């Protein structure tokens, strides 16, 4: 017997968001000696950008990093619509983040005085 009163399962589509996260220094963060912090280019999967940001911050904190600020640049489609050039390597990392429902840190740029 089928329950006709059951609501259909809400299936939200995940997308990949491009985020730049500024981090400060903490013990064991893995940043180079003398760096004052870093900018991390991340690709994060989420049903919306807010979820992608929350997941990214949580993952970075688990990795002993100190997230200070997050700037979102949107989905791949949004970025292309704004004229951003996305090369094959970047597109592959975005596809991987979506496939694995993951946060991928693609680039780390340390800050020095």
PDB file of N, CA and C in Angstrom:
ATOM      1  N   UNK A   1       0.841  -1.173   0.000  1.00  0.00           N
ATOM      2  CA  UNK A   1       0.000   0.000   0.000  1.00  0.00           C
ATOM      3  C   UNK A   1       0.889   1.240   0.000  1.00  0.00           C
ATOM      4  N   UNK A   2       0.535   2.206  -0.795  1.00  0.00           N
ATOM      5  CA  UNK A   2       1.307   3.432  -0.917  1.00  0.00           C
ATOM      6  C   UNK A   2       0.668   4.535  -0.083  1.00  0.00           C
ATOM      7  N   UNK A   3       1.493   5.264   0.654  1.00  0.00           N
ATOM      8  CA  UNK A   3       1.009   6.379   1.464  1.00  0.00           C
ATOM      9  C   UNK A   3       0.895   7.613   0.580  1.00  0.00           C
ATOM     10  N   UNK A   4      -0.321   7.976   0.230  1.00  0.00           N
ATOM     11  CA  UNK A   4      -0.544   9.113  -0.675  1.00  0.00           C
ATOM     12  C   UNK A   4      -0.458  10.453   0.051  1.00  0.00           C
ATOM     13  N   UNK A   5      -0.373  10.425   1.368  1.00  0.00           N
ATOM     14  CA  UNK A   5      -0.271  11.675   2.120  1.00  0.00           C
ATOM     15  C   UNK A   5       1.176  12.099   2.332  1.00  0.00           C
ATOM     16  N   UNK A   6       2.090  11.195   2.032  1.00  0.00           N
ATOM     17  CA  UNK A   6       3.511  11.527   2.219  1.00  0.00           C
ATOM     18  C   UNK A   6       3.926  12.582   1.215  1.00  0.00           C
ATOM     19  N   UNK A   7       4.677  13.557   1.695  1.00  0.00           N
ATOM     20  CA  UNK A   7       5.165  14.612   0.821  1.00  0.00           C
ATOM     21  C   UNK A   7       6.358  14.092   0.035  1.00  0.00           C
ATOM     22  N   UNK A   8       6.494  14.519  -1.224  1.00  0.00           N
ATOM     23  CA  UNK A   8       7.668  14.091  -1.977  1.00  0.00           C
ATOM     24  C   UNK A   8       8.931  14.634  -1.318  1.00  0.00           C
ATOM     25  N   UNK A   9       9.990  13.832  -1.390  1.00  0.00           N
ATOM     26  CA  UNK A   9      11.259  14.228  -0.783  1.00  0.00           C
ATOM     27  C   UNK A   9      11.774  15.487  -1.481  1.00  0.00           C
ATOM     28  N   UNK A  10      12.167  16.456  -0.694  1.00  0.00           N
ATOM     29  CA  UNK A  10      12.697  17.706  -1.226  1.00  0.00           C
ATOM     30  C   UNK A  10      14.112  17.456  -1.732  1.00  0.00           C
ATOM     31  N   UNK A  11      14.293  17.526  -3.036  1.00  0.00           N
ATOM     32  CA  UNK A  11      15.607  17.293  -3.618  1.00  0.00           C
ATOM     33  C   UNK A  11      16.154  18.618  -4.128  1.00  0.00           C
ATOM     34  N   UNK A  12      17.061  19.165  -3.369  1.00  0.00           N
ATOM     35  CA  UNK A  12      17.668  20.436  -3.748  1.00  0.00           C
ATOM     36  C   UNK A  12      18.937  20.145  -4.535  1.00  0.00           C
ATOM     37  N   UNK A  13      19.129  20.897  -5.573  1.00  0.00           N
ATOM     38  CA  UNK A  13      20.269  20.700  -6.442  1.00  0.00           C
ATOM     39  C   UNK A  13      21.495  21.412  -5.868  1.00  0.00           C
ATOM     40  N   UNK A  14      22.579  20.682  -5.764  1.00  0.00           N
ATOM     41  CA  UNK A  14      23.846  21.272  -5.324  1.00  0.00           C
ATOM     42  C   UNK A  14      24.521  21.948  -6.506  1.00  0.00           C
ATOM     43  N   UNK A  15      25.190  23.037  -6.213  1.00  0.00           N
ATOM     44  CA  UNK A  15      26.004  23.731  -7.188  1.00  0.00           C
ATOM     45  C   UNK A  15      27.357  23.986  -6.541  1.00  0.00           C
ATOM     46  N   UNK A  16      28.320  24.379  -7.357  1.00  0.00           N
ATOM     47  CA  UNK A  16      29.645  24.684  -6.835  1.00  0.00           C
ATOM     48  C   UNK A  16      29.838  26.190  -6.862  1.00  0.00           C
ATOM     49  N   UNK A  17      30.292  26.727  -5.746  1.00  0.00           N
ATOM     50  CA  UNK A  17      30.519  28.155  -5.590  1.00  0.00           C
ATOM     51  C   UNK A  17      32.012  28.418  -5.460  1.00  0.00           C
ATOM     52  N   UNK A  18      32.447  29.501  -6.071  1.00  0.00           N
ATOM     53  CA  UNK A  18      33.839  29.928  -5.950  1.00  0.00           C
ATOM     54  C   UNK A  18      33.919  30.900  -4.785  1.00  0.00           C
ATOM     55  N   UNK A  19      34.798  30.598  -3.845  1.00  0.00           N
ATOM     56  CA  UNK A  19      34.952  31.423  -2.648  1.00  0.00           C
ATOM     57  C   UNK A  19      36.422  31.759  -2.449  1.00  0.00           C
ATOM     58  N   UNK A  20      36.685  32.972  -1.970  1.00  0.00           N
ATOM     59  CA  UNK A  20      38.029  33.335  -1.522  1.00  0.00           C
ATOM     60  C   UNK A  20      37.925  33.580  -0.026  1.00  0.00           C
ATOM     61  N   UNK A  21      38.706  32.815   0.726  1.00  0.00           N
ATOM     62  CA  UNK A  21      38.672  32.892   2.187  1.00  0.00           C
ATOM     63  C   UNK A  21      39.996  33.460   2.671  1.00  0.00           C
ATOM     64  N   UNK A  22      39.917  34.543   3.438  1.00  0.00           N
ATOM     65  CA  UNK A  22      41.107  35.091   4.075  1.00  0.00           C
ATOM     66  C   UNK A  22      41.232  34.431   5.442  1.00  0.00           C
ATOM     67  N   UNK A  23      42.451  33.944   5.725  1.00  0.00           N
ATOM     68  CA  UNK A  23      42.701  33.294   7.013  1.00  0.00           C
ATOM     69  C   UNK A  23      43.835  33.995   7.736  1.00  0.00           C
ATOM     70  N   UNK A  24      43.738  33.992   9.052  1.00  0.00           N
ATOM     71  CA  UNK A  24      44.817  34.503   9.890  1.00  0.00           C
ATOM     72  C   UNK A  24      45.711  33.347  10.293  1.00  0.00           C
ATOM     73  N   UNK A  25      46.624  33.612  11.207  1.00  0.00           N
ATOM     74  CA  UNK A  25      47.566  32.583  11.655  1.00  0.00           C
ATOM     75  C   UNK A  25      47.050  31.880  12.901  1.00  0.00           C
ATOM     76  N   UNK A  26      47.256  30.583  12.941  1.00  0.00           N
ATOM     77  CA  UNK A  26      47.040  29.777  14.136  1.00  0.00           C
ATOM     78  C   UNK A  26      48.128  28.710  14.181  1.00  0.00           C
ATOM     79  N   UNK A  27      48.372  28.202  15.354  1.00  0.00           N
ATOM     80  CA  UNK A  27      49.388  27.161  15.507  1.00  0.00           C
ATOM     81  C   UNK A  27      48.975  25.932  14.690  1.00  0.00           C
ATOM     82  N   UNK A  28      49.902  25.431  13.898  1.00  0.00           N
ATOM     83  CA  UNK A  28      49.641  24.228  13.122  1.00  0.00           C
ATOM     84  C   UNK A  28      48.854  24.445  11.844  1.00  0.00           C
ATOM     85  N   UNK A  29      48.774  25.700  11.376  1.00  0.00           N
ATOM     86  CA  UNK A  29      47.958  25.975  10.187  1.00  0.00           C
ATOM     87  C   UNK A  29      48.623  25.584   8.870  1.00  0.00           C
ATOM     88  N   UNK A  30      49.927  25.293   8.904  1.00  0.00           N
ATOM     89  CA  UNK A  30      50.617  24.854   7.698  1.00  0.00           C
ATOM     90  C   UNK A  30      51.048  25.961   6.761  1.00  0.00           C
ATOM     91  N   UNK A  31      50.828  27.214   7.147  1.00  0.00           N
ATOM     92  CA  UNK A  31      51.264  28.325   6.304  1.00  0.00           C
ATOM     93  C   UNK A  31      52.776  28.520   6.449  1.00  0.00           C
ATOM     94  N   UNK A  32      53.424  29.114   5.453  1.00  0.00           N
ATOM     95  CA  UNK A  32      54.880  29.297   5.518  1.00  0.00           C
ATOM     96  C   UNK A  32      55.303  30.199   6.674  1.00  0.00           C
ATOM     97  N   UNK A  33      56.529  29.953   7.167  1.00  0.00           N
ATOM     98  CA  UNK A  33      57.097  30.814   8.214  1.00  0.00           C
ATOM     99  C   UNK A  33      57.127  32.248   7.714  1.00  0.00           C
ATOM    100  N   UNK A  34      56.775  33.189   8.573  1.00  0.00           N
ATOM    101  CA  UNK A  34      56.804  34.603   8.222  1.00  0.00           C
ATOM    102  C   UNK A  34      55.527  35.119   7.588  1.00  0.00           C
ATOM    103  N   UNK A  35      54.645  34.225   7.166  1.00  0.00           N
ATOM    104  CA  UNK A  35      53.372  34.668   6.587  1.00  0.00           C
ATOM    105  C   UNK A  35      52.474  35.202   7.696  1.00  0.00           C
ATOM    106  N   UNK A  36      51.739  36.248   7.390  1.00  0.00           N
ATOM    107  CA  UNK A  36      50.808  36.852   8.353  1.00  0.00           C
ATOM    108  C   UNK A  36      49.400  36.296   8.208  1.00  0.00           C
ATOM    109  N   UNK A  37      49.174  35.523   7.173  1.00  0.00           N
ATOM    110  CA  UNK A  37      47.873  34.944   6.858  1.00  0.00           C
ATOM    111  C   UNK A  37      47.907  34.513   5.407  1.00  0.00           C
ATOM    112  N   UNK A  38      46.721  34.264   4.838  1.00  0.00           N
ATOM    113  CA  UNK A  38      46.679  33.830   3.449  1.00  0.00           C
ATOM    114  C   UNK A  38      45.283  34.023   2.874  1.00  0.00           C
ATOM    115  N   UNK A  39      45.230  33.996   1.560  1.00  0.00           N
ATOM    116  CA  UNK A  39      43.958  33.944   0.834  1.00  0.00           C
ATOM    117  C   UNK A  39      43.870  32.561   0.208  1.00  0.00           C
ATOM    118  N   UNK A  40      42.734  31.900   0.383  1.00  0.00           N
ATOM    119  CA  UNK A  40      42.530  30.565  -0.163  1.00  0.00           C
ATOM    120  C   UNK A  40      41.414  30.616  -1.195  1.00  0.00           C
ATOM    121  N   UNK A  41      41.712  30.176  -2.418  1.00  0.00           N
ATOM    122  CA  UNK A  41      40.688  30.047  -3.452  1.00  0.00           C
ATOM    123  C   UNK A  41      40.075  28.668  -3.288  1.00  0.00           C
ATOM    124  N   UNK A  42      38.764  28.641  -3.045  1.00  0.00           N
ATOM    125  CA  UNK A  42      38.075  27.385  -2.771  1.00  0.00           C
ATOM    126  C   UNK A  42      36.896  27.192  -3.720  1.00  0.00           C
ATOM    127  N   UNK A  43      36.626  25.933  -4.011  1.00  0.00           N
ATOM    128  CA  UNK A  43      35.413  25.549  -4.724  1.00  0.00           C
ATOM    129  C   UNK A  43      34.624  24.687  -3.758  1.00  0.00           C
ATOM    130  N   UNK A  44      33.396  25.097  -3.471  1.00  0.00           N
ATOM    131  CA  UNK A  44      32.604  24.415  -2.458  1.00  0.00           C
ATOM    132  C   UNK A  44      31.210  24.095  -2.973  1.00  0.00           C
ATOM    133  N   UNK A  45      30.775  22.882  -2.717  1.00  0.00           N
ATOM    134  CA  UNK A  45      29.452  22.427  -3.119  1.00  0.00           C
ATOM    135  C   UNK A  45      28.431  22.824  -2.053  1.00  0.00           C
ATOM    136  N   UNK A  46      27.234  23.198  -2.510  1.00  0.00           N
ATOM    137  CA  UNK A  46      26.157  23.526  -1.586  1.00  0.00           C
ATOM    138  C   UNK A  46      24.862  23.764  -2.319  1.00  0.00           C
ATOM    139  N   UNK A  47      23.744  23.717  -1.586  1.00  0.00           N
ATOM    140  CA  UNK A  47      22.455  24.002  -2.214  1.00  0.00           C
ATOM    141  C   UNK A  47      22.293  25.498  -2.450  1.00  0.00           C
ATOM    142  N   UNK A  48      23.062  26.292  -1.715  1.00  0.00           N
ATOM    143  CA  UNK A  48      23.112  27.736  -1.953  1.00  0.00           C
ATOM    144  C   UNK A  48      24.473  28.232  -1.468  1.00  0.00           C
ATOM    145  N   UNK A  49      24.758  29.499  -1.733  1.00  0.00           N
ATOM    146  CA  UNK A  49      26.072  30.019  -1.374  1.00  0.00           C
ATOM    147  C   UNK A  49      26.285  30.043   0.134  1.00  0.00           C
ATOM    148  N   UNK A  50      25.233  30.308   0.888  1.00  0.00           N
ATOM    149  CA  UNK A  50      25.361  30.344   2.352  1.00  0.00           C
ATOM    150  C   UNK A  50      25.805  28.983   2.888  1.00  0.00           C
ATOM    151  N   UNK A  51      25.239  27.909   2.365  1.00  0.00           N
ATOM    152  CA  UNK A  51      25.652  26.581   2.813  1.00  0.00           C
ATOM    153  C   UNK A  51      27.103  26.299   2.419  1.00  0.00           C
ATOM    154  N   UNK A  52      27.483  26.698   1.208  1.00  0.00           N
ATOM    155  CA  UNK A  52      28.863  26.497   0.755  1.00  0.00           C
ATOM    156  C   UNK A  52      29.839  27.234   1.674  1.00  0.00           C
ATOM    157  N   UNK A  53      29.484  28.445   2.082  1.00  0.00           N
ATOM    158  CA  UNK A  53      30.336  29.223   2.984  1.00  0.00           C
ATOM    159  C   UNK A  53      30.430  28.536   4.348  1.00  0.00           C
ATOM    160  N   UNK A  54      29.298  28.114   4.890  1.00  0.00           N
ATOM    161  CA  UNK A  54      29.307  27.441   6.209  1.00  0.00           C
ATOM    162  C   UNK A  54      30.177  26.185   6.181  1.00  0.00           C
ATOM    163  N   UNK A  55      30.019  25.382   5.141  1.00  0.00           N
ATOM    164  CA  UNK A  55      30.799  24.145   5.031  1.00  0.00           C
ATOM    165  C   UNK A  55      32.290  24.447   4.887  1.00  0.00           C
ATOM    166  N   UNK A  56      32.619  25.457   4.093  1.00  0.00           N
ATOM    167  CA  UNK A  56      34.021  25.817   3.891  1.00  0.00           C
ATOM    168  C   UNK A  56      34.655  26.285   5.190  1.00  0.00           C
ATOM    169  N   UNK A  57      33.982  27.158   5.902  1.00  0.00           N
ATOM    170  CA  UNK A  57      34.504  27.654   7.179  1.00  0.00           C
ATOM    171  C   UNK A  57      34.680  26.505   8.168  1.00  0.00           C
ATOM    172  N   UNK A  58      33.712  25.599   8.235  1.00  0.00           N
ATOM    173  CA  UNK A  58      33.809  24.463   9.155  1.00  0.00           C
ATOM    174  C   UNK A  58      35.001  23.572   8.815  1.00  0.00           C
ATOM    175  N   UNK A  59      35.204  23.299   7.541  1.00  0.00           N
ATOM    176  CA  UNK A  59      36.327  22.451   7.109  1.00  0.00           C
ATOM    177  C   UNK A  59      37.659  23.124   7.433  1.00  0.00           C
ATOM    178  N   UNK A  60      37.760  24.413   7.164  1.00  0.00           N
ATOM    179  CA  UNK A  60      39.012  25.124   7.439  1.00  0.00           C
ATOM    180  C   UNK A  60      39.314  25.160   8.936  1.00  0.00           C
ATOM    181  N   UNK A  61      38.294  25.320   9.754  1.00  0.00           N
ATOM    182  CA  UNK A  61      38.510  25.301  11.210  1.00  0.00           C
ATOM    183  C   UNK A  61      38.987  23.930  11.663  1.00  0.00           C
ATOM    184  N   UNK A  62      38.450  22.859  11.065  1.00  0.00           N
ATOM    185  CA  UNK A  62      38.900  21.505  11.391  1.00  0.00           C
ATOM    186  C   UNK A  62      40.360  21.303  11.004  1.00  0.00           C
ATOM    187  N   UNK A  63      40.821  22.064   9.999  1.00  0.00           N
ATOM    188  CA  UNK A  63      42.208  21.969   9.538  1.00  0.00           C
ATOM    189  C   UNK A  63      43.122  22.938  10.287  1.00  0.00           C
ATOM    190  N   UNK A  64      42.679  23.426  11.442  1.00  0.00           N
ATOM    191  CA  UNK A  64      43.443  24.343  12.285  1.00  0.00           C
ATOM    192  C   UNK A  64      43.750  25.671  11.602  1.00  0.00           C
ATOM    193  N   UNK A  65      42.862  26.119  10.733  1.00  0.00           N
ATOM    194  CA  UNK A  65      43.025  27.428  10.113  1.00  0.00           C
ATOM    195  C   UNK A  65      42.049  28.390  10.781  1.00  0.00           C
ATOM    196  N   UNK A  66      42.286  29.691  10.595  1.00  0.00           N
ATOM    197  CA  UNK A  66      41.473  30.717  11.246  1.00  0.00           C
ATOM    198  C   UNK A  66      40.811  31.598  10.193  1.00  0.00           C
ATOM    199  N   UNK A  67      39.645  31.168   9.662  1.00  0.00           N
ATOM    200  CA  UNK A  67      38.950  31.978   8.656  1.00  0.00           C
ATOM    201  C   UNK A  67      38.532  33.333   9.237  1.00  0.00           C
ATOM    202  N   UNK A  68      38.833  34.398   8.500  1.00  0.00           N
ATOM    203  CA  UNK A  68      38.495  35.750   8.935  1.00  0.00           C
ATOM    204  C   UNK A  68      37.394  36.371   8.076  1.00  0.00           C
ATOM    205  N   UNK A  69      37.448  36.109   6.762  1.00  0.00           N
ATOM    206  CA  UNK A  69      36.502  36.734   5.844  1.00  0.00           C
ATOM    207  C   UNK A  69      36.318  35.828   4.635  1.00  0.00           C
ATOM    208  N   UNK A  70      35.096  35.790   4.105  1.00  0.00           N
ATOM    209  CA  UNK A  70      34.803  34.991   2.918  1.00  0.00           C
ATOM    210  C   UNK A  70      34.143  35.890   1.884  1.00  0.00           C
ATOM    211  N   UNK A  71      34.653  35.840   0.655  1.00  0.00           N
ATOM    212  CA  UNK A  71      34.042  36.557  -0.462  1.00  0.00           C
ATOM    213  C   UNK A  71      33.575  35.525  -1.471  1.00  0.00           C
ATOM    214  N   UNK A  72      32.296  35.595  -1.841  1.00  0.00           N
ATOM    215  CA  UNK A  72      31.729  34.666  -2.809  1.00  0.00           C
ATOM    216  C   UNK A  72      31.713  35.270  -4.203  1.00  0.00           C
ATOM    217  N   UNK A  73      32.042  34.439  -5.188  1.00  0.00           N
ATOM    218  CA  UNK A  73      32.052  34.887  -6.584  1.00  0.00           C
ATOM    219  C   UNK A  73      31.000  34.175  -7.415  1.00  0.00           C
ATOM    220  N   UNK A  74      30.147  33.374  -6.780  1.00  0.00           N
ATOM    221  CA  UNK A  74      29.036  32.742  -7.471  1.00  0.00           C
ATOM    222  C   UNK A  74      29.372  31.376  -8.052  1.00  0.00           C
ATOM    223  N   UNK A  75      28.410  30.860  -8.810  1.00  0.00           N
ATOM    224  CA  UNK A  75      28.549  29.557  -9.450  1.00  0.00           C
ATOM    225  C   UNK A  75      29.336  29.705 -10.749  1.00  0.00           C
ATOM    226  N   UNK A  76      29.669  28.588 -11.343  1.00  0.00           N
ATOM    227  CA  UNK A  76      30.373  28.616 -12.623  1.00  0.00           C
ATOM    228  C   UNK A  76      29.554  29.370 -13.665  1.00  0.00           C
ATOM    229  N   UNK A  77      28.258  29.085 -13.730  1.00  0.00           N
ATOM    230  CA  UNK A  77      27.397  29.756 -14.708  1.00  0.00           C
ATOM    231  C   UNK A  77      27.338  31.262 -14.457  1.00  0.00           C
ATOM    232  N   UNK A  78      27.226  31.657 -13.193  1.00  0.00           N
ATOM    233  CA  UNK A  78      27.194  33.080 -12.858  1.00  0.00           C
ATOM    234  C   UNK A  78      28.498  33.760 -13.233  1.00  0.00           C
ATOM    235  N   UNK A  79      29.609  33.085 -12.973  1.00  0.00           N
ATOM    236  CA  UNK A  79      30.917  33.660 -13.305  1.00  0.00           C
ATOM    237  C   UNK A  79      31.078  33.800 -14.816  1.00  0.00           C
ATOM    238  N   UNK A  80      30.667  32.779 -15.568  1.00  0.00           N
ATOM    239  CA  UNK A  80      30.764  32.858 -17.031  1.00  0.00           C
ATOM    240  C   UNK A  80      29.895  33.991 -17.570  1.00  0.00           C
ATOM    241  N   UNK A  81      28.707  34.160 -16.978  1.00  0.00           N
ATOM    242  CA  UNK A  81      27.802  35.234 -17.405  1.00  0.00           C
ATOM    243  C   UNK A  81      28.417  36.612 -17.159  1.00  0.00           C
ATOM    244  N   UNK A  82      29.287  36.719 -16.148  1.00  0.00           N
ATOM    245  CA  UNK A  82      29.973  37.976 -15.847  1.00  0.00           C
ATOM    246  C   UNK A  82      31.244  38.151 -16.676  1.00  0.00           C
ATOM    247  N   UNK A  83      31.559  37.164 -17.521  1.00  0.00           N
ATOM    248  CA  UNK A  83      32.717  37.279 -18.390  1.00  0.00           C
ATOM    249  C   UNK A  83      33.997  36.677 -17.850  1.00  0.00           C
ATOM    250  N   UNK A  84      33.919  35.944 -16.735  1.00  0.00           N
ATOM    251  CA  UNK A  84      35.111  35.293 -16.188  1.00  0.00           C
ATOM    252  C   UNK A  84      35.538  34.169 -17.120  1.00  0.00           C
ATOM    253  N   UNK A  85      36.828  34.061 -17.342  1.00  0.00           N
ATOM    254  CA  UNK A  85      37.358  32.942 -18.108  1.00  0.00           C
ATOM    255  C   UNK A  85      37.676  31.811 -17.144  1.00  0.00           C
ATOM    256  N   UNK A  86      37.156  30.642 -17.435  1.00  0.00           N
ATOM    257  CA  UNK A  86      37.366  29.474 -16.588  1.00  0.00           C
ATOM    258  C   UNK A  86      38.054  28.420 -17.448  1.00  0.00           C
ATOM    259  N   UNK A  87      39.315  28.114 -17.092  1.00  0.00           N
ATOM    260  CA  UNK A  87      40.059  27.149 -17.908  1.00  0.00           C
ATOM    261  C   UNK A  87      39.656  25.722 -17.552  1.00  0.00           C
ATOM    262  N   UNK A  88      40.179  24.767 -18.310  1.00  0.00           N
ATOM    263  CA  UNK A  88      39.810  23.368 -18.134  1.00  0.00           C
ATOM    264  C   UNK A  88      40.169  22.831 -16.750  1.00  0.00           C
ATOM    265  N   UNK A  89      41.333  23.241 -16.229  1.00  0.00           N
ATOM    266  CA  UNK A  89      41.748  22.770 -14.901  1.00  0.00           C
ATOM    267  C   UNK A  89      40.793  23.257 -13.819  1.00  0.00           C
ATOM    268  N   UNK A  90      40.403  24.523 -13.920  1.00  0.00           N
ATOM    269  CA  UNK A  90      39.472  25.086 -12.934  1.00  0.00           C
ATOM    270  C   UNK A  90      38.112  24.404 -13.043  1.00  0.00           C
ATOM    271  N   UNK A  91      37.634  24.205 -14.258  1.00  0.00           N
ATOM    272  CA  UNK A  91      36.349  23.530 -14.466  1.00  0.00           C
ATOM    273  C   UNK A  91      36.394  22.102 -13.916  1.00  0.00           C
ATOM    274  N   UNK A  92      37.542  21.429 -14.077  1.00  0.00           N
ATOM    275  CA  UNK A  92      37.683  20.065 -13.555  1.00  0.00           C
ATOM    276  C   UNK A  92      37.622  20.053 -12.025  1.00  0.00           C
ATOM    277  N   UNK A  93      38.244  21.039 -11.376  1.00  0.00           N
ATOM    278  CA  UNK A  93      38.176  21.118  -9.916  1.00  0.00           C
ATOM    279  C   UNK A  93      36.754  21.388  -9.443  1.00  0.00           C
ATOM    280  N   UNK A  94      36.036  22.239 -10.169  1.00  0.00           N
ATOM    281  CA  UNK A  94      34.638  22.508  -9.825  1.00  0.00           C
ATOM    282  C   UNK A  94      33.799  21.238  -9.968  1.00  0.00           C
ATOM    283  N   UNK A  95      34.021  20.495 -11.055  1.00  0.00           N
ATOM    284  CA  UNK A  95      33.282  19.248 -11.272  1.00  0.00           C
ATOM    285  C   UNK A  95      33.584  18.247 -10.160  1.00  0.00           C
ATOM    286  N   UNK A  96      34.833  18.204  -9.743  1.00  0.00           N
ATOM    287  CA  UNK A  96      35.221  17.293  -8.657  1.00  0.00           C
ATOM    288  C   UNK A  96      34.536  17.678  -7.351  1.00  0.00           C
ATOM    289  N   UNK A  97      34.495  18.974  -7.042  1.00  0.00           N
ATOM    290  CA  UNK A  97      33.827  19.440  -5.818  1.00  0.00           C
ATOM    291  C   UNK A  97      32.355  19.041  -5.831  1.00  0.00           C
ATOM    292  N   UNK A  98      31.716  19.147  -6.992  1.00  0.00           N
ATOM    293  CA  UNK A  98      30.305  18.781  -7.098  1.00  0.00           C
ATOM    294  C   UNK A  98      30.127  17.277  -6.952  1.00  0.00           C
ATOM    295  N   UNK A  99      30.956  16.505  -7.661  1.00  0.00           N
ATOM    296  CA  UNK A  99      30.854  15.044  -7.634  1.00  0.00           C
ATOM    297  C   UNK A  99      31.075  14.491  -6.234  1.00  0.00           C
ATOM    298  N   UNK A 100      32.036  15.071  -5.505  1.00  0.00           N
ATOM    299  CA  UNK A 100      32.378  14.577  -4.170  1.00  0.00           C
ATOM    300  C   UNK A 100      31.641  15.309  -3.059  1.00  0.00           C
ATOM    301  N   UNK A 101      30.798  16.299  -3.429  1.00  0.00           N
ATOM    302  CA  UNK A 101      30.113  17.135  -2.438  1.00  0.00           C
ATOM    303  C   UNK A 101      31.135  17.628  -1.420  1.00  0.00           C
ATOM    304  N   UNK A 102      32.167  18.311  -1.945  1.00  0.00           N
ATOM    305  CA  UNK A 102      33.342  18.631  -1.144  1.00  0.00           C
ATOM    306  C   UNK A 102      33.712  20.104  -1.233  1.00  0.00           C
ATOM    307  N   UNK A 103      34.675  20.462  -0.386  1.00  0.00           N
ATOM    308  CA  UNK A 103      35.342  21.755  -0.449  1.00  0.00           C
ATOM    309  C   UNK A 103      36.751  21.488  -0.947  1.00  0.00           C
ATOM    310  N   UNK A 104      37.129  22.133  -2.028  1.00  0.00           N
ATOM    311  CA  UNK A 104      38.466  21.960  -2.583  1.00  0.00           C
ATOM    312  C   UNK A 104      39.204  23.284  -2.494  1.00  0.00           C
ATOM    313  N   UNK A 105      40.375  23.261  -1.843  1.00  0.00           N
ATOM    314  CA  UNK A 105      41.226  24.445  -1.797  1.00  0.00           C
ATOM    315  C   UNK A 105      42.133  24.353  -3.014  1.00  0.00           C
ATOM    316  N   UNK A 106      41.922  25.245  -3.964  1.00  0.00           N
ATOM    317  CA  UNK A 106      42.638  25.185  -5.238  1.00  0.00           C
ATOM    318  C   UNK A 106      43.931  25.973  -5.237  1.00  0.00           C
ATOM    319  N   UNK A 107      43.978  27.021  -4.406  1.00  0.00           N
ATOM    320  CA  UNK A 107      45.164  27.878  -4.391  1.00  0.00           C
ATOM    321  C   UNK A 107      45.301  28.541  -3.035  1.00  0.00           C
ATOM    322  N   UNK A 108      46.538  28.645  -2.573  1.00  0.00           N
ATOM    323  CA  UNK A 108      46.845  29.332  -1.319  1.00  0.00           C
ATOM    324  C   UNK A 108      47.856  30.420  -1.633  1.00  0.00           C
ATOM    325  N   UNK A 109      47.505  31.673  -1.286  1.00  0.00           N
ATOM    326  CA  UNK A 109      48.405  32.799  -1.494  1.00  0.00           C
ATOM    327  C   UNK A 109      48.735  33.408  -0.131  1.00  0.00           C
ATOM    328  N   UNK A 110      49.941  33.141   0.396  1.00  0.00           N
ATOM    329  CA  UNK A 110      50.315  33.686   1.702  1.00  0.00           C
ATOM    330  C   UNK A 110      50.472  35.216   1.651  1.00  0.00           C
ATOM    331  N   UNK A 111      50.189  35.860   2.789  1.00  0.00           N
ATOM    332  CA  UNK A 111      50.373  37.300   2.945  1.00  0.00           C
ATOM    333  C   UNK A 111      51.619  37.537   3.795  1.00  0.00           C
ATOM    334  N   UNK A 112      52.444  38.478   3.353  1.00  0.00           N
ATOM    335  CA  UNK A 112      53.641  38.879   4.103  1.00  0.00           C
ATOM    336  C   UNK A 112      53.591  40.380   4.300  1.00  0.00           C
ATOM    337  N   UNK A 113      54.328  40.872   5.301  1.00  0.00           N
ATOM    338  CA  UNK A 113      54.433  42.325   5.511  1.00  0.00           C
ATOM    339  C   UNK A 113      55.293  42.939   4.452  1.00  0.00           C
TER     340      UNK A 113
END
